[in-house]
């Protein structure tokens, strides 16, 4: 926050993107229209909140991909993606794709720690690996290394007519520095890394 008497330099807004469980389409459309309106009103950033197994945005990266095609200037952020629900390699692919589609406007935020309601969701989320999943800051580090373009696998350059890359594609150089204009964020609550 700026000191009293000092003007704000930028202003954004946050939405949970609520929807009716029986008819989710209109709620998602309202979220996209809200982001469009925010751009027209001059807001600098629109942030979407991540909600799993709730009536809010469960896939903010997909929603921001859609928003990127309806807007041209407003920054697009996540507040926050709980990494315990995500595979860092797959999320890196999604983030770099949206950063490319948005022209470098993506600003993701992350949280670490086991997923919320871990005891109830672990069997559905990680049926074979829940006892060994690493929810530490190393999960963030893996994600950021993939986004930055470090090798993900030692694949051949060409196999038959298919071309392969050792890094996440599409590569978005700006995303490697934090996607868009600001560094990725992650959150820690109560002295212990957590989601939520």
N, C-alpha and C. Protein backbone atom coordinates (compact mmCIF):
# COMPACT_ATOMS: atom_id res chain seq x y z
N UNK A 1 0.84 -1.19 0.00
CA UNK A 1 0.00 0.00 0.00
C UNK A 1 0.88 1.24 0.00
N UNK A 2 0.48 2.22 -0.79
CA UNK A 2 1.21 3.48 -0.75
C UNK A 2 0.92 4.23 0.55
N UNK A 3 1.78 5.13 0.88
CA UNK A 3 1.59 5.99 2.05
C UNK A 3 0.41 6.91 1.80
N UNK A 4 -0.24 7.40 2.88
CA UNK A 4 -1.34 8.36 2.69
C UNK A 4 -0.87 9.55 1.85
N UNK A 5 -1.70 9.95 0.90
CA UNK A 5 -1.38 11.06 0.02
C UNK A 5 -0.61 10.67 -1.23
N UNK A 6 -0.18 9.40 -1.32
CA UNK A 6 0.54 8.92 -2.50
C UNK A 6 -0.45 8.11 -3.35
N UNK A 7 -0.54 8.47 -4.60
CA UNK A 7 -1.51 7.81 -5.49
C UNK A 7 -1.11 6.37 -5.80
N UNK A 8 -2.10 5.52 -5.98
CA UNK A 8 -1.85 4.15 -6.43
C UNK A 8 -1.25 4.18 -7.83
N UNK A 9 -0.31 3.29 -8.08
CA UNK A 9 0.29 3.20 -9.41
C UNK A 9 -0.49 2.26 -10.31
N UNK A 10 -1.06 1.19 -9.70
CA UNK A 10 -1.82 0.20 -10.44
C UNK A 10 -2.99 -0.28 -9.59
N UNK A 11 -4.03 -0.75 -10.26
CA UNK A 11 -5.20 -1.24 -9.54
C UNK A 11 -5.77 -2.45 -10.27
N UNK A 12 -6.03 -3.50 -9.53
CA UNK A 12 -6.62 -4.71 -10.09
C UNK A 12 -7.80 -5.15 -9.26
N UNK A 13 -8.42 -6.24 -9.68
CA UNK A 13 -9.53 -6.81 -8.93
C UNK A 13 -9.44 -8.33 -8.95
N UNK A 14 -10.12 -8.94 -8.00
CA UNK A 14 -10.12 -10.40 -7.81
C UNK A 14 -11.55 -10.91 -7.90
N UNK A 15 -11.72 -12.06 -8.56
CA UNK A 15 -13.03 -12.71 -8.58
C UNK A 15 -12.87 -14.20 -8.31
N UNK A 16 -13.85 -14.76 -7.63
CA UNK A 16 -13.90 -16.21 -7.39
C UNK A 16 -14.54 -16.90 -8.59
N UNK A 17 -15.30 -16.16 -9.37
CA UNK A 17 -15.94 -16.74 -10.55
C UNK A 17 -17.03 -17.74 -10.18
N UNK A 18 -17.93 -17.32 -9.32
CA UNK A 18 -18.99 -18.23 -8.86
C UNK A 18 -19.92 -18.64 -9.99
N UNK A 19 -20.48 -19.85 -9.86
CA UNK A 19 -21.43 -20.34 -10.85
C UNK A 19 -22.41 -21.30 -10.18
N UNK A 20 -23.52 -21.54 -10.86
CA UNK A 20 -24.54 -22.48 -10.41
C UNK A 20 -24.11 -23.88 -10.82
N UNK A 21 -24.06 -24.80 -9.88
CA UNK A 21 -23.64 -26.16 -10.18
C UNK A 21 -24.53 -26.88 -11.19
N UNK A 22 -25.78 -26.48 -11.30
CA UNK A 22 -26.69 -27.10 -12.25
C UNK A 22 -26.57 -26.50 -13.65
N UNK A 23 -26.00 -25.30 -13.73
CA UNK A 23 -25.86 -24.61 -15.01
C UNK A 23 -24.62 -23.71 -14.94
N UNK A 24 -23.42 -24.29 -15.06
CA UNK A 24 -22.19 -23.52 -14.83
C UNK A 24 -21.81 -22.55 -15.95
N UNK A 25 -22.33 -22.72 -17.14
CA UNK A 25 -21.94 -21.87 -18.27
C UNK A 25 -22.14 -20.39 -18.04
N UNK A 26 -23.34 -19.96 -17.62
CA UNK A 26 -23.55 -18.53 -17.42
C UNK A 26 -22.60 -17.90 -16.41
N UNK A 27 -22.28 -18.60 -15.35
CA UNK A 27 -21.35 -18.06 -14.36
C UNK A 27 -19.96 -17.85 -14.94
N UNK A 28 -19.52 -18.79 -15.76
CA UNK A 28 -18.21 -18.63 -16.40
C UNK A 28 -18.23 -17.46 -17.39
N UNK A 29 -19.35 -17.31 -18.10
CA UNK A 29 -19.47 -16.18 -19.03
C UNK A 29 -19.43 -14.85 -18.29
N UNK A 30 -20.10 -14.78 -17.13
CA UNK A 30 -20.09 -13.56 -16.32
C UNK A 30 -18.67 -13.22 -15.89
N UNK A 31 -17.89 -14.23 -15.51
CA UNK A 31 -16.50 -14.00 -15.12
C UNK A 31 -15.71 -13.40 -16.28
N UNK A 32 -15.87 -13.96 -17.47
CA UNK A 32 -15.16 -13.44 -18.64
C UNK A 32 -15.62 -12.03 -18.99
N UNK A 33 -16.92 -11.78 -18.88
CA UNK A 33 -17.44 -10.43 -19.15
C UNK A 33 -16.93 -9.43 -18.11
N UNK A 34 -16.76 -9.88 -16.87
CA UNK A 34 -16.24 -9.02 -15.81
C UNK A 34 -14.79 -8.61 -16.13
N UNK A 35 -14.01 -9.55 -16.64
CA UNK A 35 -12.63 -9.25 -17.00
C UNK A 35 -12.59 -8.26 -18.17
N UNK A 36 -13.47 -8.47 -19.15
CA UNK A 36 -13.56 -7.53 -20.27
C UNK A 36 -13.94 -6.13 -19.78
N UNK A 37 -14.93 -6.06 -18.90
CA UNK A 37 -15.37 -4.78 -18.35
C UNK A 37 -14.23 -4.12 -17.56
N UNK A 38 -13.52 -4.93 -16.79
CA UNK A 38 -12.38 -4.39 -16.03
C UNK A 38 -11.37 -3.73 -16.95
N UNK A 39 -11.10 -4.34 -18.08
CA UNK A 39 -10.17 -3.73 -19.04
C UNK A 39 -10.73 -2.42 -19.57
N UNK A 40 -12.00 -2.41 -19.94
CA UNK A 40 -12.62 -1.18 -20.47
C UNK A 40 -12.62 -0.06 -19.44
N UNK A 41 -12.76 -0.41 -18.16
CA UNK A 41 -12.78 0.59 -17.08
C UNK A 41 -11.38 1.07 -16.70
N UNK A 42 -10.35 0.41 -17.24
CA UNK A 42 -8.99 0.86 -16.99
C UNK A 42 -8.25 0.12 -15.89
N UNK A 43 -8.81 -0.96 -15.36
CA UNK A 43 -8.07 -1.74 -14.36
C UNK A 43 -6.80 -2.30 -15.00
N UNK A 44 -5.77 -2.44 -14.17
CA UNK A 44 -4.49 -2.94 -14.66
C UNK A 44 -4.40 -4.46 -14.64
N UNK A 45 -5.15 -5.11 -13.74
CA UNK A 45 -5.05 -6.56 -13.61
C UNK A 45 -6.38 -7.16 -13.15
N UNK A 46 -6.63 -8.36 -13.62
CA UNK A 46 -7.76 -9.17 -13.18
C UNK A 46 -7.19 -10.45 -12.61
N UNK A 47 -7.59 -10.78 -11.41
CA UNK A 47 -7.10 -11.98 -10.73
C UNK A 47 -8.26 -12.94 -10.52
N UNK A 48 -8.04 -14.21 -10.82
CA UNK A 48 -9.07 -15.22 -10.57
C UNK A 48 -8.58 -16.14 -9.47
N UNK A 49 -9.50 -16.51 -8.62
CA UNK A 49 -9.19 -17.36 -7.48
C UNK A 49 -9.47 -18.81 -7.83
N UNK A 50 -8.62 -19.68 -7.39
CA UNK A 50 -8.70 -21.11 -7.70
C UNK A 50 -9.55 -21.81 -6.64
N UNK A 51 -10.52 -22.61 -7.08
CA UNK A 51 -11.40 -23.34 -6.17
C UNK A 51 -11.61 -24.76 -6.69
N UNK A 52 -11.14 -25.75 -5.94
CA UNK A 52 -11.37 -27.15 -6.32
C UNK A 52 -12.55 -27.72 -5.55
N UNK A 53 -13.37 -28.49 -6.26
CA UNK A 53 -14.54 -29.15 -5.69
C UNK A 53 -15.47 -28.15 -5.00
N UNK A 54 -15.57 -26.98 -5.61
CA UNK A 54 -16.47 -25.92 -5.16
C UNK A 54 -17.13 -25.31 -6.39
N UNK A 55 -18.05 -24.38 -6.18
CA UNK A 55 -18.74 -23.72 -7.29
C UNK A 55 -18.07 -22.39 -7.62
N UNK A 56 -16.78 -22.51 -7.90
CA UNK A 56 -15.95 -21.39 -8.31
C UNK A 56 -14.94 -21.92 -9.32
N UNK A 57 -14.06 -21.09 -9.82
CA UNK A 57 -13.15 -21.45 -10.89
C UNK A 57 -12.21 -22.58 -10.47
N UNK A 58 -12.38 -23.74 -11.06
CA UNK A 58 -11.50 -24.88 -10.76
C UNK A 58 -10.30 -24.93 -11.69
N UNK A 59 -10.38 -24.22 -12.81
CA UNK A 59 -9.29 -24.21 -13.78
C UNK A 59 -9.01 -22.77 -14.23
N UNK A 60 -8.35 -21.99 -13.36
CA UNK A 60 -8.13 -20.59 -13.71
C UNK A 60 -7.27 -20.40 -14.95
N UNK A 61 -6.37 -21.31 -15.22
CA UNK A 61 -5.52 -21.16 -16.40
C UNK A 61 -6.38 -21.25 -17.67
N UNK A 62 -7.35 -22.15 -17.68
CA UNK A 62 -8.25 -22.26 -18.83
C UNK A 62 -9.12 -21.01 -18.95
N UNK A 63 -9.62 -20.51 -17.84
CA UNK A 63 -10.44 -19.29 -17.87
C UNK A 63 -9.61 -18.11 -18.36
N UNK A 64 -8.36 -18.02 -17.90
CA UNK A 64 -7.51 -16.92 -18.35
C UNK A 64 -7.12 -17.06 -19.82
N UNK A 65 -7.03 -18.28 -20.32
CA UNK A 65 -6.80 -18.47 -21.76
C UNK A 65 -7.96 -17.86 -22.54
N UNK A 66 -9.18 -18.12 -22.10
CA UNK A 66 -10.35 -17.53 -22.76
C UNK A 66 -10.33 -16.01 -22.62
N UNK A 67 -10.02 -15.52 -21.43
CA UNK A 67 -9.99 -14.07 -21.20
C UNK A 67 -8.92 -13.40 -22.07
N UNK A 68 -7.83 -14.10 -22.31
CA UNK A 68 -6.75 -13.52 -23.12
C UNK A 68 -7.20 -13.24 -24.55
N UNK A 69 -8.20 -13.96 -25.01
CA UNK A 69 -8.70 -13.79 -26.36
C UNK A 69 -9.78 -12.72 -26.45
N UNK A 70 -10.25 -12.25 -25.29
CA UNK A 70 -11.28 -11.21 -25.25
C UNK A 70 -10.72 -9.85 -24.83
N UNK A 71 -9.46 -9.83 -24.43
CA UNK A 71 -8.84 -8.61 -23.92
C UNK A 71 -7.49 -8.40 -24.61
N UNK A 72 -6.92 -7.21 -24.44
CA UNK A 72 -5.63 -6.95 -25.09
C UNK A 72 -4.60 -6.29 -24.17
N UNK A 73 -5.02 -5.74 -23.04
CA UNK A 73 -4.12 -4.98 -22.21
C UNK A 73 -4.05 -5.44 -20.76
N UNK A 74 -5.15 -5.79 -20.19
CA UNK A 74 -5.23 -6.07 -18.75
C UNK A 74 -4.37 -7.28 -18.38
N UNK A 75 -3.64 -7.17 -17.26
CA UNK A 75 -2.88 -8.30 -16.76
C UNK A 75 -3.81 -9.38 -16.26
N UNK A 76 -3.40 -10.64 -16.38
CA UNK A 76 -4.23 -11.78 -16.01
C UNK A 76 -3.48 -12.61 -14.97
N UNK A 77 -4.05 -12.72 -13.76
CA UNK A 77 -3.34 -13.39 -12.68
C UNK A 77 -4.17 -14.45 -11.99
N UNK A 78 -3.46 -15.36 -11.32
CA UNK A 78 -4.10 -16.39 -10.50
C UNK A 78 -3.78 -16.12 -9.04
N UNK A 79 -4.78 -16.28 -8.19
CA UNK A 79 -4.61 -15.99 -6.77
C UNK A 79 -5.29 -17.08 -5.94
N UNK A 80 -4.67 -18.09 -5.67
CA UNK A 80 -3.42 -18.65 -6.13
C UNK A 80 -3.69 -20.07 -6.65
N UNK A 81 -2.74 -20.63 -7.40
CA UNK A 81 -2.85 -22.02 -7.83
C UNK A 81 -2.22 -22.88 -6.73
N UNK A 82 -3.00 -23.71 -6.06
CA UNK A 82 -2.43 -24.60 -5.05
C UNK A 82 -1.68 -25.74 -5.73
N UNK A 83 -0.35 -25.72 -5.65
CA UNK A 83 0.46 -26.67 -6.41
C UNK A 83 0.28 -28.12 -5.98
N UNK A 84 -0.26 -28.34 -4.80
CA UNK A 84 -0.51 -29.72 -4.37
C UNK A 84 -1.50 -30.45 -5.27
N UNK A 85 -2.31 -29.71 -5.99
CA UNK A 85 -3.28 -30.29 -6.92
C UNK A 85 -2.71 -30.46 -8.32
N UNK A 86 -1.48 -30.01 -8.55
CA UNK A 86 -0.96 -29.90 -9.91
C UNK A 86 0.29 -30.73 -10.14
N UNK A 87 0.46 -31.15 -11.40
CA UNK A 87 1.71 -31.74 -11.87
C UNK A 87 2.53 -30.58 -12.44
N UNK A 88 3.73 -30.31 -11.89
CA UNK A 88 4.49 -29.15 -12.33
C UNK A 88 4.80 -29.11 -13.83
N UNK A 89 5.07 -30.24 -14.45
CA UNK A 89 5.36 -30.26 -15.89
C UNK A 89 4.13 -29.85 -16.69
N UNK A 90 2.98 -30.45 -16.39
CA UNK A 90 1.76 -30.12 -17.13
C UNK A 90 1.32 -28.68 -16.89
N UNK A 91 1.45 -28.22 -15.65
CA UNK A 91 1.08 -26.83 -15.36
C UNK A 91 2.00 -25.88 -16.11
N UNK A 92 3.29 -26.19 -16.19
CA UNK A 92 4.23 -25.35 -16.93
C UNK A 92 3.79 -25.22 -18.40
N UNK A 93 3.36 -26.31 -19.00
CA UNK A 93 2.87 -26.26 -20.39
C UNK A 93 1.66 -25.34 -20.51
N UNK A 94 0.73 -25.47 -19.57
CA UNK A 94 -0.46 -24.62 -19.61
C UNK A 94 -0.11 -23.15 -19.40
N UNK A 95 0.76 -22.86 -18.43
CA UNK A 95 1.12 -21.47 -18.15
C UNK A 95 1.84 -20.82 -19.33
N UNK A 96 2.78 -21.52 -19.93
CA UNK A 96 3.51 -20.92 -21.05
C UNK A 96 2.59 -20.73 -22.26
N UNK A 97 1.65 -21.65 -22.45
CA UNK A 97 0.69 -21.49 -23.55
C UNK A 97 -0.15 -20.24 -23.34
N UNK A 98 -0.67 -20.05 -22.13
CA UNK A 98 -1.50 -18.87 -21.86
C UNK A 98 -0.67 -17.60 -21.92
N UNK A 99 0.58 -17.66 -21.48
CA UNK A 99 1.43 -16.47 -21.57
C UNK A 99 1.63 -16.08 -23.03
N UNK A 100 1.83 -17.07 -23.91
CA UNK A 100 1.96 -16.79 -25.35
C UNK A 100 0.65 -16.21 -25.88
N UNK A 101 -0.47 -16.87 -25.57
CA UNK A 101 -1.78 -16.40 -26.07
C UNK A 101 -2.10 -14.98 -25.61
N UNK A 102 -1.67 -14.63 -24.40
CA UNK A 102 -2.01 -13.33 -23.83
C UNK A 102 -1.01 -12.24 -24.21
N UNK A 103 0.04 -12.60 -24.92
CA UNK A 103 1.06 -11.62 -25.26
C UNK A 103 1.91 -11.22 -24.06
N UNK A 104 2.11 -12.16 -23.14
CA UNK A 104 2.97 -11.91 -21.98
C UNK A 104 2.28 -11.25 -20.81
N UNK A 105 0.96 -11.37 -20.73
CA UNK A 105 0.22 -10.70 -19.64
C UNK A 105 -0.07 -11.60 -18.45
N UNK A 106 0.40 -12.84 -18.46
CA UNK A 106 0.08 -13.78 -17.37
C UNK A 106 0.94 -13.51 -16.15
N UNK A 107 0.31 -13.54 -14.97
CA UNK A 107 1.00 -13.34 -13.71
C UNK A 107 0.46 -14.37 -12.70
N UNK A 108 1.04 -15.57 -12.69
CA UNK A 108 0.51 -16.61 -11.81
C UNK A 108 1.00 -16.48 -10.36
N UNK A 109 0.15 -16.86 -9.46
CA UNK A 109 0.52 -16.98 -8.05
C UNK A 109 0.36 -18.43 -7.64
N UNK A 110 1.18 -18.89 -6.70
CA UNK A 110 1.16 -20.30 -6.29
C UNK A 110 1.13 -20.41 -4.78
N UNK A 111 0.63 -21.53 -4.30
CA UNK A 111 0.77 -21.89 -2.89
C UNK A 111 1.32 -23.30 -2.83
N UNK A 112 1.98 -23.60 -1.74
CA UNK A 112 2.56 -24.93 -1.55
C UNK A 112 1.93 -25.60 -0.34
N UNK A 113 2.16 -26.89 -0.24
CA UNK A 113 1.62 -27.67 0.86
C UNK A 113 0.62 -28.68 0.34
N UNK A 114 0.19 -29.58 1.20
CA UNK A 114 -0.79 -30.57 0.76
C UNK A 114 -2.12 -29.90 0.40
N UNK A 115 -2.86 -30.51 -0.52
CA UNK A 115 -4.16 -29.94 -0.88
C UNK A 115 -5.08 -29.81 0.33
N UNK A 116 -5.93 -28.82 0.25
CA UNK A 116 -6.95 -28.62 1.28
C UNK A 116 -7.81 -29.88 1.35
N UNK A 117 -8.19 -30.30 2.55
CA UNK A 117 -8.96 -31.52 2.77
C UNK A 117 -8.20 -32.76 2.28
N UNK A 118 -6.90 -32.75 2.48
CA UNK A 118 -6.00 -33.79 2.00
C UNK A 118 -6.50 -35.19 2.33
N UNK A 119 -6.91 -35.44 3.54
CA UNK A 119 -7.34 -36.78 3.95
C UNK A 119 -8.52 -37.27 3.10
N UNK A 120 -9.36 -36.36 2.65
CA UNK A 120 -10.55 -36.75 1.88
C UNK A 120 -10.31 -36.82 0.38
N UNK A 121 -9.29 -36.10 -0.13
CA UNK A 121 -9.09 -36.05 -1.59
C UNK A 121 -7.89 -36.85 -2.08
N UNK A 122 -7.01 -37.26 -1.19
CA UNK A 122 -5.75 -37.87 -1.64
C UNK A 122 -5.95 -39.12 -2.48
N UNK A 123 -6.94 -39.94 -2.16
CA UNK A 123 -7.18 -41.15 -2.93
C UNK A 123 -7.64 -40.87 -4.35
N UNK A 124 -8.41 -39.80 -4.52
CA UNK A 124 -8.87 -39.42 -5.87
C UNK A 124 -7.78 -38.70 -6.65
N UNK A 125 -7.00 -37.90 -5.95
CA UNK A 125 -5.98 -37.07 -6.60
C UNK A 125 -4.71 -37.85 -6.92
N UNK A 126 -4.22 -38.61 -5.97
CA UNK A 126 -2.98 -39.38 -6.14
C UNK A 126 -3.19 -40.79 -5.61
N UNK A 127 -3.99 -41.62 -6.27
CA UNK A 127 -4.34 -42.93 -5.74
C UNK A 127 -3.15 -43.85 -5.48
N UNK A 128 -2.10 -43.73 -6.29
CA UNK A 128 -0.96 -44.63 -6.16
C UNK A 128 0.26 -43.99 -5.53
N UNK A 129 0.25 -42.66 -5.39
CA UNK A 129 1.47 -41.98 -4.93
C UNK A 129 1.26 -41.02 -3.77
N UNK A 130 0.07 -41.00 -3.16
CA UNK A 130 -0.22 -39.99 -2.15
C UNK A 130 0.75 -40.02 -0.98
N UNK A 131 1.32 -41.17 -0.67
CA UNK A 131 2.24 -41.26 0.47
C UNK A 131 3.61 -40.66 0.16
N UNK A 132 3.95 -40.51 -1.12
CA UNK A 132 5.28 -40.04 -1.48
C UNK A 132 5.30 -38.68 -2.19
N UNK A 133 4.15 -38.08 -2.41
CA UNK A 133 4.12 -36.78 -3.08
C UNK A 133 4.86 -35.73 -2.24
N UNK A 134 5.64 -34.89 -2.91
CA UNK A 134 6.39 -33.83 -2.27
C UNK A 134 5.65 -32.51 -2.47
N UNK A 135 5.13 -31.94 -1.39
CA UNK A 135 4.38 -30.69 -1.47
C UNK A 135 5.19 -29.49 -0.95
N UNK A 136 6.50 -29.64 -0.92
CA UNK A 136 7.36 -28.58 -0.40
C UNK A 136 7.63 -27.52 -1.47
N UNK A 137 8.48 -26.56 -1.14
CA UNK A 137 8.87 -25.53 -2.10
C UNK A 137 9.60 -26.12 -3.30
N UNK A 138 10.09 -27.35 -3.19
CA UNK A 138 10.72 -28.01 -4.34
C UNK A 138 9.72 -28.15 -5.49
N UNK A 139 8.44 -28.31 -5.17
CA UNK A 139 7.41 -28.40 -6.22
C UNK A 139 7.36 -27.08 -7.01
N UNK A 140 7.45 -25.95 -6.31
CA UNK A 140 7.50 -24.65 -6.97
C UNK A 140 8.77 -24.54 -7.81
N UNK A 141 9.88 -24.96 -7.24
CA UNK A 141 11.16 -24.89 -7.96
C UNK A 141 11.12 -25.70 -9.25
N UNK A 142 10.54 -26.90 -9.20
CA UNK A 142 10.41 -27.72 -10.41
C UNK A 142 9.59 -26.99 -11.46
N UNK A 143 8.46 -26.45 -11.04
CA UNK A 143 7.59 -25.72 -11.96
C UNK A 143 8.37 -24.57 -12.60
N UNK A 144 9.03 -23.76 -11.80
CA UNK A 144 9.73 -22.60 -12.33
C UNK A 144 10.89 -22.98 -13.24
N UNK A 145 11.56 -24.10 -12.94
CA UNK A 145 12.62 -24.58 -13.84
C UNK A 145 12.05 -24.97 -15.20
N UNK A 146 10.91 -25.67 -15.19
CA UNK A 146 10.28 -26.06 -16.45
C UNK A 146 9.84 -24.83 -17.24
N UNK A 147 9.22 -23.87 -16.55
CA UNK A 147 8.75 -22.65 -17.21
C UNK A 147 9.93 -21.87 -17.79
N UNK A 148 11.06 -21.87 -17.09
CA UNK A 148 12.24 -21.13 -17.54
C UNK A 148 12.91 -21.77 -18.75
N UNK A 149 12.55 -23.01 -19.06
CA UNK A 149 13.11 -23.66 -20.23
C UNK A 149 14.18 -24.70 -19.95
N UNK A 150 14.37 -25.04 -18.67
CA UNK A 150 15.33 -26.11 -18.37
C UNK A 150 14.80 -27.43 -18.90
N UNK A 151 15.68 -28.36 -19.24
CA UNK A 151 15.23 -29.64 -19.81
C UNK A 151 14.26 -30.39 -18.89
N UNK A 152 13.21 -30.92 -19.51
CA UNK A 152 12.24 -31.73 -18.79
C UNK A 152 12.46 -33.21 -19.05
N UNK A 153 13.02 -33.54 -20.21
CA UNK A 153 13.27 -34.93 -20.58
C UNK A 153 14.30 -34.97 -21.70
N UNK A 154 15.04 -36.07 -21.76
CA UNK A 154 16.03 -36.26 -22.83
C UNK A 154 15.36 -37.00 -23.98
N UNK A 155 14.65 -36.24 -24.80
CA UNK A 155 13.94 -36.82 -25.94
C UNK A 155 14.75 -36.62 -27.21
N UNK A 156 14.56 -37.52 -28.20
CA UNK A 156 15.26 -37.34 -29.47
C UNK A 156 14.72 -36.10 -30.17
N UNK A 157 15.55 -35.46 -30.99
CA UNK A 157 15.09 -34.30 -31.75
C UNK A 157 14.01 -34.66 -32.76
N UNK A 158 14.16 -35.83 -33.39
CA UNK A 158 13.16 -36.26 -34.36
C UNK A 158 12.97 -37.76 -34.25
N UNK A 159 11.72 -38.17 -34.35
CA UNK A 159 11.36 -39.58 -34.32
C UNK A 159 10.31 -39.75 -35.41
N UNK A 160 10.72 -40.38 -36.51
CA UNK A 160 9.80 -40.45 -37.65
C UNK A 160 9.58 -39.05 -38.19
N UNK A 161 8.33 -38.64 -38.35
CA UNK A 161 8.03 -37.30 -38.83
C UNK A 161 7.76 -36.32 -37.69
N UNK A 162 7.80 -36.79 -36.43
CA UNK A 162 7.51 -35.93 -35.28
C UNK A 162 8.78 -35.31 -34.72
N UNK A 163 8.68 -34.02 -34.38
CA UNK A 163 9.77 -33.28 -33.75
C UNK A 163 9.53 -33.23 -32.24
N UNK A 164 10.60 -33.43 -31.45
CA UNK A 164 10.50 -33.38 -29.99
C UNK A 164 11.44 -32.32 -29.44
N UNK A 165 11.09 -31.83 -28.28
CA UNK A 165 11.90 -30.84 -27.57
C UNK A 165 12.21 -31.38 -26.19
N UNK A 166 13.35 -31.01 -25.64
CA UNK A 166 13.69 -31.45 -24.29
C UNK A 166 13.08 -30.53 -23.24
N UNK A 167 12.56 -29.37 -23.67
CA UNK A 167 11.97 -28.43 -22.71
C UNK A 167 10.47 -28.31 -22.95
N UNK A 168 9.80 -27.64 -22.03
CA UNK A 168 8.37 -27.36 -22.15
C UNK A 168 8.14 -26.48 -23.37
N UNK A 169 7.17 -26.85 -24.17
CA UNK A 169 6.77 -26.07 -25.34
C UNK A 169 5.28 -25.75 -25.25
N UNK A 170 4.86 -24.58 -25.68
CA UNK A 170 5.71 -23.56 -26.26
C UNK A 170 6.54 -22.88 -25.17
N UNK A 171 7.75 -22.50 -25.53
CA UNK A 171 8.59 -21.77 -24.58
C UNK A 171 8.23 -20.30 -24.65
N UNK A 172 8.03 -19.70 -23.49
CA UNK A 172 7.71 -18.27 -23.41
C UNK A 172 8.80 -17.61 -22.57
N UNK A 173 9.78 -16.96 -23.22
CA UNK A 173 10.91 -16.39 -22.47
C UNK A 173 10.48 -15.47 -21.33
N UNK A 174 9.44 -14.68 -21.51
CA UNK A 174 8.95 -13.81 -20.43
C UNK A 174 8.40 -14.60 -19.28
N UNK A 175 7.78 -15.72 -19.58
CA UNK A 175 7.22 -16.56 -18.53
C UNK A 175 8.33 -17.13 -17.65
N UNK A 176 9.49 -17.39 -18.22
CA UNK A 176 10.62 -17.89 -17.45
C UNK A 176 11.12 -16.90 -16.42
N UNK A 177 10.84 -15.61 -16.65
CA UNK A 177 11.21 -14.58 -15.69
C UNK A 177 10.05 -14.23 -14.79
N UNK A 178 8.98 -14.98 -14.86
CA UNK A 178 7.85 -14.73 -13.98
C UNK A 178 6.53 -14.62 -14.70
N UNK A 179 6.48 -14.93 -15.97
CA UNK A 179 5.27 -14.78 -16.78
C UNK A 179 4.81 -13.34 -16.73
N UNK A 180 4.81 -12.71 -17.84
CA UNK A 180 4.36 -11.32 -17.89
C UNK A 180 5.36 -10.39 -17.23
N UNK A 181 4.86 -9.49 -16.40
CA UNK A 181 5.71 -8.43 -15.89
C UNK A 181 6.11 -8.58 -14.43
N UNK A 182 5.54 -9.52 -13.72
CA UNK A 182 5.85 -9.66 -12.29
C UNK A 182 6.27 -11.09 -11.99
N UNK A 183 7.10 -11.25 -10.99
CA UNK A 183 7.57 -12.58 -10.61
C UNK A 183 6.43 -13.39 -10.03
N UNK A 184 6.46 -14.72 -10.25
CA UNK A 184 5.44 -15.56 -9.64
C UNK A 184 5.48 -15.43 -8.12
N UNK A 185 4.35 -15.63 -7.51
CA UNK A 185 4.25 -15.53 -6.07
C UNK A 185 3.80 -16.86 -5.50
N UNK A 186 4.23 -17.14 -4.32
CA UNK A 186 3.66 -18.26 -3.59
C UNK A 186 3.43 -17.81 -2.18
N UNK A 187 2.59 -18.51 -1.48
CA UNK A 187 2.15 -18.04 -0.19
C UNK A 187 2.46 -19.07 0.87
N UNK A 188 2.70 -18.57 2.05
CA UNK A 188 2.98 -19.39 3.22
C UNK A 188 2.14 -18.83 4.34
N UNK A 189 1.42 -19.68 5.05
CA UNK A 189 0.54 -19.23 6.10
C UNK A 189 0.90 -19.90 7.42
N UNK A 190 0.88 -19.14 8.48
CA UNK A 190 1.08 -19.69 9.81
C UNK A 190 2.44 -20.35 10.02
N UNK A 191 3.48 -19.91 9.31
CA UNK A 191 4.79 -20.50 9.48
C UNK A 191 4.98 -21.84 8.81
N UNK A 192 3.93 -22.37 8.22
CA UNK A 192 4.00 -23.66 7.56
C UNK A 192 3.42 -23.54 6.15
N UNK A 193 4.09 -24.12 5.20
CA UNK A 193 3.61 -24.03 3.83
C UNK A 193 2.27 -24.74 3.72
N UNK A 194 1.26 -24.03 3.19
CA UNK A 194 -0.08 -24.59 3.06
C UNK A 194 -0.78 -24.06 1.84
N UNK A 195 -1.84 -24.71 1.47
CA UNK A 195 -2.71 -24.18 0.43
C UNK A 195 -3.86 -23.46 1.10
N UNK A 196 -4.74 -22.88 0.27
CA UNK A 196 -5.99 -22.37 0.83
C UNK A 196 -6.25 -20.97 0.70
